[in-house]
C-alpha atoms as a PDB file:
ATOM      1  CA  MET A   1      72.922  55.496-167.717  1.00  0.00           C
ATOM      2  CA  LYS A   2      74.904  58.515-166.531  1.00  0.00           C
ATOM      3  CA  VAL A   3      77.259  57.799-163.619  1.00  0.00           C
ATOM      4  CA  ALA A   4      79.495  60.291-161.806  1.00  0.00           C
ATOM      5  CA  VAL A   5      82.152  59.871-159.126  1.00  0.00           C
ATOM      6  CA  TYR A   6      82.792  62.422-156.382  1.00  0.00           C
ATOM      7  CA  PRO A   7      86.017  61.456-154.574  1.00  0.00           C
ATOM      8  CA  GLY A   8      87.263  63.078-151.394  1.00  0.00           C
ATOM      9  CA  THR A   9      88.473  62.520-147.876  1.00  0.00           C
ATOM     10  CA  PHE A  10      85.301  63.970-146.309  1.00  0.00           C
ATOM     11  CA  ASP A  11      87.157  64.351-143.013  1.00  0.00           C
ATOM     12  CA  PRO A  12      84.655  65.417-141.852  1.00  0.00           C
ATOM     13  CA  ILE A  13      81.870  65.814-144.394  1.00  0.00           C
ATOM     14  CA  THR A  14      80.809  69.463-144.570  1.00  0.00           C
ATOM     15  CA  LEU A  15      77.704  71.339-145.650  1.00  0.00           C
ATOM     16  CA  GLY A  16      79.580  72.210-148.845  1.00  0.00           C
ATOM     17  CA  HIS A  17      80.200  68.526-149.590  1.00  0.00           C
ATOM     18  CA  ILE A  18      76.544  67.721-148.943  1.00  0.00           C
ATOM     19  CA  ASP A  19      75.446  70.556-151.231  1.00  0.00           C
ATOM     20  CA  ILE A  20      77.611  69.230-154.077  1.00  0.00           C
ATOM     21  CA  ILE A  21      76.329  65.683-153.522  1.00  0.00           C
ATOM     22  CA  ARG A  22      72.698  66.819-153.541  1.00  0.00           C
ATOM     23  CA  ARG A  23      73.173  68.945-156.665  1.00  0.00           C
ATOM     24  CA  GLY A  24      75.088  66.186-158.442  1.00  0.00           C
ATOM     25  CA  ALA A  25      72.445  63.607-157.629  1.00  0.00           C
ATOM     26  CA  HIS A  26      69.985  65.517-159.815  1.00  0.00           C
ATOM     27  CA  LEU A  27      72.349  65.536-162.797  1.00  0.00           C
ATOM     28  CA  VAL A  28      73.123  61.815-163.077  1.00  0.00           C
ATOM     29  CA  ASP A  29      71.438  58.452-162.703  1.00  0.00           C
ATOM     30  CA  GLN A  30      73.971  57.261-160.120  1.00  0.00           C
ATOM     31  CA  LEU A  31      76.477  59.213-158.021  1.00  0.00           C
ATOM     32  CA  VAL A  32      79.319  57.314-156.385  1.00  0.00           C
ATOM     33  CA  VAL A  33      80.842  59.130-153.399  1.00  0.00           C
ATOM     34  CA  GLY A  34      84.352  57.735-153.044  1.00  0.00           C
ATOM     35  CA  VAL A  35      85.711  58.185-149.524  1.00  0.00           C
ATOM     36  CA  THR A  36      89.481  58.066-149.765  1.00  0.00           C
ATOM     37  CA  THR A  37      92.566  58.864-147.724  1.00  0.00           C
ATOM     38  CA  ASN A  38      95.259  61.454-148.201  1.00  0.00           C
ATOM     39  CA  PRO A  39      98.666  60.123-147.127  1.00  0.00           C
ATOM     40  CA  SER A  40      99.916  63.661-146.498  1.00  0.00           C
ATOM     41  CA  LYS A  41      97.185  64.344-143.894  1.00  0.00           C
ATOM     42  CA  GLU A  42      96.471  62.895-140.471  1.00  0.00           C
ATOM     43  CA  PRO A  43      92.733  62.057-140.495  1.00  0.00           C
ATOM     44  CA  MET A  44      90.388  63.047-137.679  1.00  0.00           C
ATOM     45  CA  PHE A  45      88.098  60.090-138.398  1.00  0.00           C
ATOM     46  CA  SER A  46      88.656  56.563-139.671  1.00  0.00           C
ATOM     47  CA  VAL A  47      87.480  55.572-143.158  1.00  0.00           C
ATOM     48  CA  GLU A  48      84.632  53.600-141.588  1.00  0.00           C
ATOM     49  CA  GLU A  49      83.493  56.613-139.543  1.00  0.00           C
ATOM     50  CA  ARG A  50      83.639  58.889-142.612  1.00  0.00           C
ATOM     51  CA  LEU A  51      81.665  56.377-144.692  1.00  0.00           C
ATOM     52  CA  GLU A  52      79.020  56.238-141.981  1.00  0.00           C
ATOM     53  CA  MET A  53      78.829  60.059-141.871  1.00  0.00           C
ATOM     54  CA  VAL A  54      78.415  60.280-145.652  1.00  0.00           C
ATOM     55  CA  ARG A  55      75.825  57.498-145.742  1.00  0.00           C
ATOM     56  CA  ARG A  56      73.842  59.101-142.912  1.00  0.00           C
ATOM     57  CA  GLU A  57      73.797  62.490-144.664  1.00  0.00           C
ATOM     58  CA  VAL A  58      72.625  61.113-148.026  1.00  0.00           C
ATOM     59  CA  ALA A  59      70.248  58.419-146.745  1.00  0.00           C
ATOM     60  CA  ASP A  60      67.237  60.306-148.130  1.00  0.00           C
ATOM     61  CA  LEU A  61      68.657  60.412-151.672  1.00  0.00           C
ATOM     62  CA  ASN A  62      68.213  57.647-154.225  1.00  0.00           C
ATOM     63  CA  ALA A  63      71.014  56.471-156.502  1.00  0.00           C
ATOM     64  CA  ILE A  64      73.829  57.506-154.151  1.00  0.00           C
ATOM     65  CA  ILE A  65      76.530  54.964-153.382  1.00  0.00           C
ATOM     66  CA  ALA A  66      79.164  55.717-150.739  1.00  0.00           C
ATOM     67  CA  GLU A  67      82.183  53.436-150.907  1.00  0.00           C
ATOM     68  CA  HIS A  68      85.797  53.394-149.776  1.00  0.00           C
ATOM     69  CA  ALA A  69      88.094  54.454-152.627  1.00  0.00           C
ATOM     70  CA  PRO A  70      91.589  53.131-151.892  1.00  0.00           C
ATOM     71  CA  ASP A  71      94.404  55.528-152.695  1.00  0.00           C
ATOM     72  CA  GLU A  72      96.073  53.269-155.254  1.00  0.00           C
ATOM     73  CA  PRO A  73      97.610  54.613-158.446  1.00  0.00           C
ATOM     74  CA  ILE A  74      95.745  53.928-161.672  1.00  0.00           C
ATOM     75  CA  GLY A  75      97.555  52.083-164.433  1.00  0.00           C
END
């Protein structure tokens, strides 16, 4: 199973983001869209609002998972 992760703030989600998501969905079995925060930016929308926007835009695609990706260091 091929899985890919597309992280970003998506604040707000743009047509460019949606294009990348749609193209990526055809290349893998599962695409995880990780909605994260950027501590150096003041967001326009809350994480919950951004998740809802992403989920609404990709509702017609199979194998897309939109989840909150906390901005924690790895390791």
